[in-house]
Amino acid sequence: MNLVNQAGFEYHGYADDTQLYRQCPATPSNIAETAKRFSDCIDQVQQWTNSNRLQLNPAKTECMWITPPAYSKGAFPDLIANNEIIHPVEYVRCLGIYLDKHLTFDHQISALSKNCYYQLRQLKTVARHLDQPTLRSLLQAFVSTRLDYCNSLYAGLPSNRIQHLQRIQNSAARLSSGARKFDHITPVLKDLHWLPVSSRIDFKVAVITFKALHLSAPDYITDLCSISGTHHPYTLRSESHQNLSIIRNTTSRLGDRTFPTAAAKVWNNLPTDLRSSGSVEAFCRHLKTWLFKQHYGSEQNCLKSAQ
């Protein structure tokens, strides 16, 4: 993809899809320049595909301008590629995840809730005919996997959006255990040994960080994780603890949700002996135990009273 790099863009290539992206200041001149570069780059890619007996479908080409929710200084102009006009869209689908232009994930959470509740309604009709291991396996396959898929993207989301996902897990737990609608859900989740959604998000972020620090993650993720103090000529106490550097962001709404910031917050909160696990499997096993104790350990009194 030398054409893309020469045009000043980064890219991600998949089997039948290629994504181009670029970061630029949100000024009218920079926006206009970026739009023109995109159009020129798409034209060059179109010429390359034609020369290699491939076809680029302009009708399936989408563009999206990602900005903070409060930004209202101007819209991204239409792109013109191969005499086709490409209008900016509100959201795009990437590997099954809906990304909206403000990264609120409202459309993604709405679509996920719709799919999960549909599966729960279908399973509820046959639940009384199934034994517990089979029912839990089906809930894991049709509900929990959907909640866990790419859930690291939800790191830093407001709690009211995470609660939408938590309600899905609560419904699955009630179906699995036979609990009534108004029964306290915390003892049910604990008996099922299910981590809540927020802890599952931290689990995924921590696992990705562990792989990045042990050079078993892609380079574009590994480059985002740096040990605190490694860039200083002298040894710091934080370096011996293997803490990650915390990046100071100018915006708390989106800046604190970036992977370097979210990874540093989760990783630095883990015990030192947990971080020094010898393998990914051991790290995942001990991490789940630690997160389970962190969430349910402080609620022993309320759990006993609820039971």
C-alpha atoms as a PDB file:
ATOM      1  CA  MET A   1       0.000   0.000   0.000  1.00  0.00           C
ATOM      2  CA  ASN A   2       2.719   2.448  -0.995  1.00  0.00           C
ATOM      3  CA  LEU A   3       0.111   4.645  -2.672  1.00  0.00           C
ATOM      4  CA  VAL A   4      -1.665   5.144   0.646  1.00  0.00           C
ATOM      5  CA  ASN A   5       1.523   5.915   2.571  1.00  0.00           C
ATOM      6  CA  GLN A   6       2.713   8.369  -0.064  1.00  0.00           C
ATOM      7  CA  ALA A   7      -0.603  10.209   0.187  1.00  0.00           C
ATOM      8  CA  GLY A   8      -0.047  10.668   3.931  1.00  0.00           C
ATOM      9  CA  PHE A   9      -2.577   8.149   5.242  1.00  0.00           C
ATOM     10  CA  GLU A  10      -2.469   5.095   7.463  1.00  0.00           C
ATOM     11  CA  TYR A  11      -4.400   1.972   6.598  1.00  0.00           C
ATOM     12  CA  HIS A  12      -5.761  -1.323   7.853  1.00  0.00           C
ATOM     13  CA  GLY A  13      -6.171  -4.076   5.297  1.00  0.00           C
ATOM     14  CA  TYR A  14      -8.592  -6.980   5.577  1.00  0.00           C
ATOM     15  CA  ALA A  15      -9.621  -9.791   3.249  1.00  0.00           C
ATOM     16  CA  ASP A  16     -12.178  -7.762   1.285  1.00  0.00           C
ATOM     17  CA  ASP A  17     -11.946  -4.348   2.925  1.00  0.00           C
ATOM     18  CA  THR A  18      -9.353  -1.579   3.299  1.00  0.00           C
ATOM     19  CA  GLN A  19      -9.639   1.320   5.719  1.00  0.00           C
ATOM     20  CA  LEU A  20      -7.777   4.600   5.278  1.00  0.00           C
ATOM     21  CA  TYR A  21      -7.521   7.096   8.107  1.00  0.00           C
ATOM     22  CA  ARG A  22      -5.721  10.309   8.967  1.00  0.00           C
ATOM     23  CA  GLN A  23      -5.601  12.685  11.895  1.00  0.00           C
ATOM     24  CA  CYS A  24      -5.710  16.425  11.344  1.00  0.00           C
ATOM     25  CA  PRO A  25      -6.550  19.610  13.278  1.00  0.00           C
ATOM     26  CA  ALA A  26     -10.214  20.561  13.040  1.00  0.00           C
ATOM     27  CA  THR A  27      -9.720  23.790  11.108  1.00  0.00           C
ATOM     28  CA  PRO A  28     -11.528  24.579   7.822  1.00  0.00           C
ATOM     29  CA  SER A  29      -8.291  24.647   5.815  1.00  0.00           C
ATOM     30  CA  ASN A  30      -7.043  21.324   7.200  1.00  0.00           C
ATOM     31  CA  ILE A  31     -10.447  19.695   6.704  1.00  0.00           C
ATOM     32  CA  ALA A  32     -10.588  20.836   3.075  1.00  0.00           C
ATOM     33  CA  GLU A  33      -7.020  19.646   2.453  1.00  0.00           C
ATOM     34  CA  THR A  34      -7.716  16.251   4.026  1.00  0.00           C
ATOM     35  CA  ALA A  35     -10.880  15.813   1.945  1.00  0.00           C
ATOM     36  CA  LYS A  36      -8.963  16.590  -1.253  1.00  0.00           C
ATOM     37  CA  ARG A  37      -6.198  14.174  -0.317  1.00  0.00           C
ATOM     38  CA  PHE A  38      -8.753  11.472   0.366  1.00  0.00           C
ATOM     39  CA  SER A  39     -10.349  11.992  -3.038  1.00  0.00           C
ATOM     40  CA  ASP A  40      -6.987  11.899  -4.803  1.00  0.00           C
ATOM     41  CA  CYS A  41      -5.894   8.834  -2.868  1.00  0.00           C
ATOM     42  CA  ILE A  42      -9.092   6.953  -3.689  1.00  0.00           C
ATOM     43  CA  ASP A  43      -8.624   7.811  -7.364  1.00  0.00           C
ATOM     44  CA  GLN A  44      -5.081   6.442  -7.288  1.00  0.00           C
ATOM     45  CA  VAL A  45      -6.251   3.264  -5.549  1.00  0.00           C
ATOM     46  CA  GLN A  46      -8.995   2.954  -8.187  1.00  0.00           C
ATOM     47  CA  GLN A  47      -6.419   3.153 -10.964  1.00  0.00           C
ATOM     48  CA  TRP A  48      -4.237   0.556  -9.237  1.00  0.00           C
ATOM     49  CA  THR A  49      -7.119  -1.874  -8.792  1.00  0.00           C
ATOM     50  CA  ASN A  50      -8.154  -1.486 -12.431  1.00  0.00           C
ATOM     51  CA  SER A  51      -4.613  -2.186 -13.620  1.00  0.00           C
ATOM     52  CA  ASN A  52      -4.573  -5.362 -11.508  1.00  0.00           C
ATOM     53  CA  ARG A  53      -7.967  -6.593 -12.744  1.00  0.00           C
ATOM     54  CA  LEU A  54      -9.709  -5.670  -9.524  1.00  0.00           C
ATOM     55  CA  GLN A  55     -12.680  -3.439  -8.926  1.00  0.00           C
ATOM     56  CA  LEU A  56     -13.224  -0.795  -6.275  1.00  0.00           C
ATOM     57  CA  ASN A  57     -16.930  -0.357  -5.566  1.00  0.00           C
ATOM     58  CA  PRO A  58     -17.659   3.351  -4.946  1.00  0.00           C
ATOM     59  CA  ALA A  59     -21.196   2.497  -3.847  1.00  0.00           C
ATOM     60  CA  LYS A  60     -19.802   0.635  -0.825  1.00  0.00           C
ATOM     61  CA  THR A  61     -17.164   3.248  -0.008  1.00  0.00           C
ATOM     62  CA  GLU A  62     -17.953   5.235   3.131  1.00  0.00           C
ATOM     63  CA  CYS A  63     -16.284   8.102   4.940  1.00  0.00           C
ATOM     64  CA  MET A  64     -16.771   9.400   8.456  1.00  0.00           C
ATOM     65  CA  TRP A  65     -15.430  12.469  10.237  1.00  0.00           C
ATOM     66  CA  ILE A  66     -14.856  11.696  13.919  1.00  0.00           C
ATOM     67  CA  THR A  67     -15.076  14.710  16.233  1.00  0.00           C
ATOM     68  CA  PRO A  68     -15.977  15.375  19.894  1.00  0.00           C
ATOM     69  CA  PRO A  69     -19.731  15.715  20.525  1.00  0.00           C
ATOM     70  CA  ALA A  70     -19.409  19.423  21.328  1.00  0.00           C
ATOM     71  CA  TYR A  71     -17.640  20.213  18.047  1.00  0.00           C
ATOM     72  CA  SER A  72     -19.814  22.230  15.684  1.00  0.00           C
ATOM     73  CA  LYS A  73     -17.392  24.392  13.688  1.00  0.00           C
ATOM     74  CA  GLY A  74     -18.009  22.701  10.384  1.00  0.00           C
ATOM     75  CA  ALA A  75     -18.901  19.519   8.612  1.00  0.00           C
ATOM     76  CA  PHE A  76     -16.651  17.283   6.568  1.00  0.00           C
ATOM     77  CA  PRO A  77     -17.223  17.907   2.837  1.00  0.00           C
ATOM     78  CA  ASP A  78     -18.320  15.280   0.361  1.00  0.00           C
ATOM     79  CA  LEU A  79     -15.634  13.236  -1.339  1.00  0.00           C
ATOM     80  CA  ILE A  80     -15.532  12.853  -5.113  1.00  0.00           C
ATOM     81  CA  ALA A  81     -13.899   9.650  -6.326  1.00  0.00           C
ATOM     82  CA  ASN A  82     -14.177   8.258  -9.842  1.00  0.00           C
ATOM     83  CA  ASN A  83     -17.029  10.685 -10.592  1.00  0.00           C
ATOM     84  CA  GLU A  84     -18.941   9.323  -7.590  1.00  0.00           C
ATOM     85  CA  ILE A  85     -19.973  11.496  -4.637  1.00  0.00           C
ATOM     86  CA  ILE A  86     -19.292   9.948  -1.229  1.00  0.00           C
ATOM     87  CA  HIS A  87     -21.312  11.583   1.534  1.00  0.00           C
ATOM     88  CA  PRO A  88     -20.062  11.455   5.146  1.00  0.00           C
ATOM     89  CA  VAL A  89     -22.106   9.060   7.243  1.00  0.00           C
ATOM     90  CA  GLU A  90     -23.181   9.080  10.888  1.00  0.00           C
ATOM     91  CA  TYR A  91     -21.718   5.640  11.640  1.00  0.00           C
ATOM     92  CA  VAL A  92     -19.869   2.808   9.928  1.00  0.00           C
ATOM     93  CA  ARG A  93     -19.571  -0.886  10.674  1.00  0.00           C
ATOM     94  CA  CYS A  94     -16.065  -2.195  11.282  1.00  0.00           C
ATOM     95  CA  LEU A  95     -15.585  -5.907  11.999  1.00  0.00           C
ATOM     96  CA  GLY A  96     -19.115  -6.144  13.336  1.00  0.00           C
ATOM     97  CA  ILE A  97     -18.834  -3.035  15.561  1.00  0.00           C
ATOM     98  CA  TYR A  98     -20.709   0.183  14.810  1.00  0.00           C
ATOM     99  CA  LEU A  99     -18.489   3.243  15.139  1.00  0.00           C
ATOM    100  CA  ASP A 100     -20.324   6.570  15.228  1.00  0.00           C
ATOM    101  CA  LYS A 101     -18.839   9.949  14.468  1.00  0.00           C
ATOM    102  CA  HIS A 102     -18.684  10.942  18.157  1.00  0.00           C
ATOM    103  CA  LEU A 103     -17.563   7.521  19.435  1.00  0.00           C
ATOM    104  CA  THR A 104     -20.452   7.378  21.876  1.00  0.00           C
ATOM    105  CA  PHE A 105     -21.234   3.789  20.775  1.00  0.00           C
ATOM    106  CA  ASP A 106     -24.942   4.500  21.165  1.00  0.00           C
ATOM    107  CA  HIS A 107     -25.813   2.750  17.908  1.00  0.00           C
ATOM    108  CA  GLN A 108     -23.542  -0.181  18.766  1.00  0.00           C
ATOM    109  CA  ILE A 109     -25.089  -0.648  22.205  1.00  0.00           C
ATOM    110  CA  SER A 110     -28.581  -0.363  20.730  1.00  0.00           C
ATOM    111  CA  ALA A 111     -27.845  -2.999  18.067  1.00  0.00           C
ATOM    112  CA  LEU A 112     -26.141  -5.251  20.609  1.00  0.00           C
ATOM    113  CA  SER A 113     -29.087  -4.997  23.004  1.00  0.00           C
ATOM    114  CA  LYS A 114     -31.516  -5.841  20.210  1.00  0.00           C
ATOM    115  CA  ASN A 115     -29.562  -8.959  19.199  1.00  0.00           C
ATOM    116  CA  CYS A 116     -29.004 -10.186  22.762  1.00  0.00           C
ATOM    117  CA  TYR A 117     -32.606  -9.724  23.881  1.00  0.00           C
ATOM    118  CA  TYR A 118     -33.775 -11.537  20.766  1.00  0.00           C
ATOM    119  CA  GLN A 119     -31.580 -14.499  21.691  1.00  0.00           C
ATOM    120  CA  LEU A 120     -32.810 -14.403  25.293  1.00  0.00           C
ATOM    121  CA  ARG A 121     -36.434 -14.485  24.164  1.00  0.00           C
ATOM    122  CA  GLN A 122     -35.718 -17.476  21.963  1.00  0.00           C
ATOM    123  CA  LEU A 123     -33.892 -19.314  24.744  1.00  0.00           C
ATOM    124  CA  LYS A 124     -36.613 -18.546  27.274  1.00  0.00           C
ATOM    125  CA  THR A 125     -39.128 -20.575  25.259  1.00  0.00           C
ATOM    126  CA  VAL A 126     -37.013 -23.741  25.575  1.00  0.00           C
ATOM    127  CA  ALA A 127     -35.242 -23.109  28.904  1.00  0.00           C
ATOM    128  CA  ARG A 128     -37.544 -25.393  30.929  1.00  0.00           C
ATOM    129  CA  HIS A 129     -36.673 -28.313  28.634  1.00  0.00           C
ATOM    130  CA  LEU A 130     -32.897 -27.922  29.097  1.00  0.00           C
ATOM    131  CA  ASP A 131     -30.612 -28.902  31.915  1.00  0.00           C
ATOM    132  CA  GLN A 132     -28.477 -26.224  33.585  1.00  0.00           C
ATOM    133  CA  PRO A 133     -25.126 -27.015  31.851  1.00  0.00           C
ATOM    134  CA  THR A 134     -26.758 -26.929  28.413  1.00  0.00           C
ATOM    135  CA  LEU A 135     -28.636 -23.712  29.129  1.00  0.00           C
ATOM    136  CA  ARG A 136     -25.499 -21.986  30.415  1.00  0.00           C
ATOM    137  CA  SER A 137     -23.555 -23.130  27.364  1.00  0.00           C
ATOM    138  CA  LEU A 138     -26.209 -21.630  25.103  1.00  0.00           C
ATOM    139  CA  LEU A 139     -26.206 -18.368  27.066  1.00  0.00           C
ATOM    140  CA  GLN A 140     -22.442 -18.255  26.795  1.00  0.00           C
ATOM    141  CA  ALA A 141     -22.574 -18.870  23.051  1.00  0.00           C
ATOM    142  CA  PHE A 142     -25.405 -16.507  22.134  1.00  0.00           C
ATOM    143  CA  VAL A 143     -25.242 -13.739  24.771  1.00  0.00           C
ATOM    144  CA  SER A 144     -21.961 -13.596  26.711  1.00  0.00           C
ATOM    145  CA  THR A 145     -19.799 -13.833  23.603  1.00  0.00           C
ATOM    146  CA  ARG A 146     -21.647 -10.878  22.106  1.00  0.00           C
ATOM    147  CA  LEU A 147     -21.088  -8.839  25.266  1.00  0.00           C
ATOM    148  CA  ASP A 148     -17.378  -9.727  25.303  1.00  0.00           C
ATOM    149  CA  TYR A 149     -16.707  -9.144  21.607  1.00  0.00           C
ATOM    150  CA  CYS A 150     -14.435  -6.090  21.249  1.00  0.00           C
ATOM    151  CA  ASN A 151     -15.605  -4.890  24.666  1.00  0.00           C
ATOM    152  CA  SER A 152     -12.294  -3.102  25.251  1.00  0.00           C
ATOM    153  CA  LEU A 153     -13.761  -0.340  23.053  1.00  0.00           C
ATOM    154  CA  TYR A 154     -16.225   0.408  25.858  1.00  0.00           C
ATOM    155  CA  ALA A 155     -13.431   1.383  28.269  1.00  0.00           C
ATOM    156  CA  GLY A 156     -14.116   4.800  29.731  1.00  0.00           C
ATOM    157  CA  LEU A 157     -17.727   4.997  28.587  1.00  0.00           C
ATOM    158  CA  PRO A 158     -20.153   6.708  30.990  1.00  0.00           C
ATOM    159  CA  SER A 159     -21.763   4.385  33.508  1.00  0.00           C
ATOM    160  CA  ASN A 160     -25.255   4.927  32.073  1.00  0.00           C
ATOM    161  CA  ARG A 161     -24.161   3.274  28.805  1.00  0.00           C
ATOM    162  CA  ILE A 162     -22.418   0.417  30.611  1.00  0.00           C
ATOM    163  CA  GLN A 163     -25.647  -0.143  32.550  1.00  0.00           C
ATOM    164  CA  HIS A 164     -27.431  -0.983  29.284  1.00  0.00           C
ATOM    165  CA  LEU A 165     -24.980  -3.849  28.802  1.00  0.00           C
ATOM    166  CA  GLN A 166     -25.209  -4.867  32.448  1.00  0.00           C
ATOM    167  CA  ARG A 167     -28.975  -5.264  32.150  1.00  0.00           C
ATOM    168  CA  ILE A 168     -28.429  -7.766  29.356  1.00  0.00           C
ATOM    169  CA  GLN A 169     -26.127  -9.826  31.560  1.00  0.00           C
ATOM    170  CA  ASN A 170     -28.596  -9.575  34.447  1.00  0.00           C
ATOM    171  CA  SER A 171     -31.374 -10.928  32.227  1.00  0.00           C
ATOM    172  CA  ALA A 172     -29.151 -13.811  31.123  1.00  0.00           C
ATOM    173  CA  ALA A 173     -28.270 -14.575  34.755  1.00  0.00           C
ATOM    174  CA  ARG A 174     -31.942 -14.634  35.773  1.00  0.00           C
ATOM    175  CA  LEU A 175     -32.767 -16.983  32.918  1.00  0.00           C
ATOM    176  CA  SER A 176     -29.884 -19.280  33.832  1.00  0.00           C
ATOM    177  CA  SER A 177     -30.679 -19.419  37.552  1.00  0.00           C
ATOM    178  CA  GLY A 178     -34.448 -19.140  37.450  1.00  0.00           C
ATOM    179  CA  ALA A 179     -34.360 -16.020  39.638  1.00  0.00           C
ATOM    180  CA  ARG A 180     -37.387 -13.755  39.645  1.00  0.00           C
ATOM    181  CA  LYS A 181     -37.470 -10.296  38.091  1.00  0.00           C
ATOM    182  CA  PHE A 182     -37.029  -8.334  41.326  1.00  0.00           C
ATOM    183  CA  ASP A 183     -34.571 -10.671  43.052  1.00  0.00           C
ATOM    184  CA  HIS A 184     -31.222  -9.165  44.014  1.00  0.00           C
ATOM    185  CA  ILE A 185     -28.917  -9.926  41.085  1.00  0.00           C
ATOM    186  CA  THR A 186     -25.513  -9.720  42.814  1.00  0.00           C
ATOM    187  CA  PRO A 187     -25.785 -13.098  44.590  1.00  0.00           C
ATOM    188  CA  VAL A 188     -26.947 -14.653  41.315  1.00  0.00           C
ATOM    189  CA  LEU A 189     -23.949 -13.340  39.388  1.00  0.00           C
ATOM    190  CA  LYS A 190     -21.619 -14.489  42.126  1.00  0.00           C
ATOM    191  CA  ASP A 191     -23.070 -18.013  42.193  1.00  0.00           C
ATOM    192  CA  LEU A 192     -22.674 -18.209  38.417  1.00  0.00           C
ATOM    193  CA  HIS A 193     -19.112 -16.889  38.819  1.00  0.00           C
ATOM    194  CA  TRP A 194     -19.805 -14.193  36.214  1.00  0.00           C
ATOM    195  CA  LEU A 195     -17.812 -10.977  36.301  1.00  0.00           C
ATOM    196  CA  PRO A 196     -19.946  -7.852  35.770  1.00  0.00           C
ATOM    197  CA  VAL A 197     -19.646  -6.036  32.479  1.00  0.00           C
ATOM    198  CA  SER A 198     -17.345  -3.302  33.810  1.00  0.00           C
ATOM    199  CA  SER A 199     -14.909  -5.904  35.174  1.00  0.00           C
ATOM    200  CA  ARG A 200     -15.039  -7.841  31.905  1.00  0.00           C
ATOM    201  CA  ILE A 201     -13.991  -4.667  30.112  1.00  0.00           C
ATOM    202  CA  ASP A 202     -11.065  -4.208  32.512  1.00  0.00           C
ATOM    203  CA  PHE A 203     -10.187  -7.876  32.003  1.00  0.00           C
ATOM    204  CA  LYS A 204      -9.938  -7.443  28.227  1.00  0.00           C
ATOM    205  CA  VAL A 205      -7.896  -4.232  28.506  1.00  0.00           C
ATOM    206  CA  ALA A 206      -5.488  -5.873  30.977  1.00  0.00           C
ATOM    207  CA  VAL A 207      -5.003  -8.950  28.762  1.00  0.00           C
ATOM    208  CA  ILE A 208      -4.265  -6.806  25.708  1.00  0.00           C
ATOM    209  CA  THR A 209      -1.794  -4.775  27.772  1.00  0.00           C
ATOM    210  CA  PHE A 210      -0.078  -7.937  29.044  1.00  0.00           C
ATOM    211  CA  LYS A 211       0.342  -9.180  25.475  1.00  0.00           C
ATOM    212  CA  ALA A 212       1.641  -5.791  24.359  1.00  0.00           C
ATOM    213  CA  LEU A 213       4.277  -5.680  27.098  1.00  0.00           C
ATOM    214  CA  HIS A 214       5.380  -9.228  26.228  1.00  0.00           C
ATOM    215  CA  LEU A 215       5.582  -8.416  22.506  1.00  0.00           C
ATOM    216  CA  SER A 216       2.783 -10.778  21.505  1.00  0.00           C
ATOM    217  CA  ALA A 217       0.432  -8.035  20.294  1.00  0.00           C
ATOM    218  CA  PRO A 218       0.469  -6.100  17.001  1.00  0.00           C
ATOM    219  CA  ASP A 219       3.044  -3.340  16.726  1.00  0.00           C
ATOM    220  CA  TYR A 220       0.434  -0.578  16.583  1.00  0.00           C
ATOM    221  CA  ILE A 221      -0.743  -1.668  20.050  1.00  0.00           C
ATOM    222  CA  THR A 222       2.691  -2.454  21.488  1.00  0.00           C
ATOM    223  CA  ASP A 223       3.918   1.036  20.570  1.00  0.00           C
ATOM    224  CA  LEU A 224       1.167   2.569  22.706  1.00  0.00           C
ATOM    225  CA  CYS A 225       2.380   0.919  25.929  1.00  0.00           C
ATOM    226  CA  SER A 226       5.536   2.260  27.525  1.00  0.00           C
ATOM    227  CA  ILE A 227       6.917   1.580  31.002  1.00  0.00           C
ATOM    228  CA  SER A 228       7.149   4.674  33.171  1.00  0.00           C
ATOM    229  CA  GLY A 229      10.712   5.891  33.569  1.00  0.00           C
ATOM    230  CA  THR A 230      12.210   4.089  30.563  1.00  0.00           C
ATOM    231  CA  HIS A 231      12.766   7.393  28.790  1.00  0.00           C
ATOM    232  CA  HIS A 232      14.755   8.922  31.673  1.00  0.00           C
ATOM    233  CA  PRO A 233      18.531   8.629  32.067  1.00  0.00           C
ATOM    234  CA  TYR A 234      18.057   7.662  35.722  1.00  0.00           C
ATOM    235  CA  THR A 235      16.132   4.867  37.382  1.00  0.00           C
ATOM    236  CA  LEU A 236      12.751   5.684  38.871  1.00  0.00           C
ATOM    237  CA  ARG A 237      10.875   3.735  41.521  1.00  0.00           C
ATOM    238  CA  SER A 238       7.930   3.329  39.137  1.00  0.00           C
ATOM    239  CA  GLU A 239      10.160   1.501  36.666  1.00  0.00           C
ATOM    240  CA  SER A 240      10.816  -1.309  39.132  1.00  0.00           C
ATOM    241  CA  HIS A 241       7.035  -1.736  39.556  1.00  0.00           C
ATOM    242  CA  GLN A 242       6.546  -1.876  35.771  1.00  0.00           C
ATOM    243  CA  ASN A 243       3.943   0.877  35.835  1.00  0.00           C
ATOM    244  CA  LEU A 244       2.781   2.281  32.520  1.00  0.00           C
ATOM    245  CA  SER A 245       3.240   5.926  31.668  1.00  0.00           C
ATOM    246  CA  ILE A 246       0.044   7.933  32.090  1.00  0.00           C
ATOM    247  CA  ILE A 247      -0.536  10.368  29.265  1.00  0.00           C
ATOM    248  CA  ARG A 248      -2.020  13.714  30.200  1.00  0.00           C
ATOM    249  CA  ASN A 249      -4.957  14.426  27.884  1.00  0.00           C
ATOM    250  CA  THR A 250      -6.449  17.785  27.111  1.00  0.00           C
ATOM    251  CA  THR A 251      -9.934  16.285  26.814  1.00  0.00           C
ATOM    252  CA  SER A 252     -11.405  13.982  29.431  1.00  0.00           C
ATOM    253  CA  ARG A 253     -14.379  12.784  27.385  1.00  0.00           C
ATOM    254  CA  LEU A 254     -12.396  11.193  24.549  1.00  0.00           C
ATOM    255  CA  GLY A 255      -8.778  11.523  25.674  1.00  0.00           C
ATOM    256  CA  ASP A 256      -9.256   9.391  28.783  1.00  0.00           C
ATOM    257  CA  ARG A 257     -10.836   6.684  26.652  1.00  0.00           C
ATOM    258  CA  THR A 258      -7.794   6.182  24.433  1.00  0.00           C
ATOM    259  CA  PHE A 259      -6.022   2.873  24.807  1.00  0.00           C
ATOM    260  CA  PRO A 260      -2.772   4.244  26.376  1.00  0.00           C
ATOM    261  CA  THR A 261      -4.738   6.008  29.118  1.00  0.00           C
ATOM    262  CA  ALA A 262      -7.236   3.206  29.739  1.00  0.00           C
ATOM    263  CA  ALA A 263      -4.480   0.572  29.720  1.00  0.00           C
ATOM    264  CA  ALA A 264      -2.344   2.546  32.184  1.00  0.00           C
ATOM    265  CA  LYS A 265      -5.244   2.985  34.608  1.00  0.00           C
ATOM    266  CA  VAL A 266      -6.121  -0.706  34.595  1.00  0.00           C
ATOM    267  CA  TRP A 267      -2.553  -2.043  34.542  1.00  0.00           C
ATOM    268  CA  ASN A 268      -1.171   0.208  37.271  1.00  0.00           C
ATOM    269  CA  ASN A 269      -3.989  -0.873  39.572  1.00  0.00           C
ATOM    270  CA  LEU A 270      -3.036  -4.555  39.339  1.00  0.00           C
ATOM    271  CA  PRO A 271      -0.850  -6.210  41.994  1.00  0.00           C
ATOM    272  CA  THR A 272       2.818  -6.584  41.111  1.00  0.00           C
ATOM    273  CA  ASP A 273       2.809 -10.372  41.415  1.00  0.00           C
ATOM    274  CA  LEU A 274      -0.135 -10.578  39.018  1.00  0.00           C
ATOM    275  CA  ARG A 275       1.663  -8.505  36.390  1.00  0.00           C
ATOM    276  CA  SER A 276       4.681 -10.820  36.562  1.00  0.00           C
ATOM    277  CA  SER A 277       2.734 -13.922  35.503  1.00  0.00           C
ATOM    278  CA  GLY A 278       4.747 -16.260  33.326  1.00  0.00           C
ATOM    279  CA  SER A 279       2.194 -16.827  30.580  1.00  0.00           C
ATOM    280  CA  VAL A 280      -0.994 -15.392  29.154  1.00  0.00           C
ATOM    281  CA  GLU A 281      -3.003 -18.362  30.448  1.00  0.00           C
ATOM    282  CA  ALA A 282      -1.723 -17.906  34.005  1.00  0.00           C
ATOM    283  CA  PHE A 283      -2.281 -14.155  33.826  1.00  0.00           C
ATOM    284  CA  CYS A 284      -5.897 -14.601  32.661  1.00  0.00           C
ATOM    285  CA  ARG A 285      -6.614 -17.140  35.381  1.00  0.00           C
ATOM    286  CA  HIS A 286      -5.191 -15.032  38.213  1.00  0.00           C
ATOM    287  CA  LEU A 287      -6.649 -11.829  36.780  1.00  0.00           C
ATOM    288  CA  LYS A 288     -10.201 -13.195  36.797  1.00  0.00           C
ATOM    289  CA  THR A 289      -9.754 -14.361  40.405  1.00  0.00           C
ATOM    290  CA  TRP A 290      -8.449 -10.943  41.448  1.00  0.00           C
ATOM    291  CA  LEU A 291     -11.245  -9.056  39.660  1.00  0.00           C
ATOM    292  CA  PHE A 292     -13.815 -11.396  41.169  1.00  0.00           C
ATOM    293  CA  LYS A 293     -12.526 -10.700  44.677  1.00  0.00           C
ATOM    294  CA  GLN A 294     -12.309  -6.983  43.990  1.00  0.00           C
ATOM    295  CA  HIS A 295     -15.938  -6.787  42.931  1.00  0.00           C
ATOM    296  CA  TYR A 296     -17.620  -9.315  45.219  1.00  0.00           C
ATOM    297  CA  GLY A 297     -15.215  -9.410  48.163  1.00  0.00           C
ATOM    298  CA  SER A 298     -16.355  -6.049  49.536  1.00  0.00           C
ATOM    299  CA  GLU A 299     -20.002  -7.085  49.258  1.00  0.00           C
ATOM    300  CA  GLN A 300     -19.932 -10.137  51.512  1.00  0.00           C
ATOM    301  CA  ASN A 301     -22.250  -8.627  54.106  1.00  0.00           C
ATOM    302  CA  CYS A 302     -24.841  -7.525  51.561  1.00  0.00           C
ATOM    303  CA  LEU A 303     -24.652 -10.891  49.825  1.00  0.00           C
ATOM    304  CA  LYS A 304     -25.276 -12.801  53.070  1.00  0.00           C
ATOM    305  CA  SER A 305     -28.201 -10.597  53.944  1.00  0.00           C
ATOM    306  CA  ALA A 306     -29.654 -10.934  50.443  1.00  0.00           C
ATOM    307  CA  GLN A 307     -29.333 -14.726  50.546  1.00  0.00           C
END
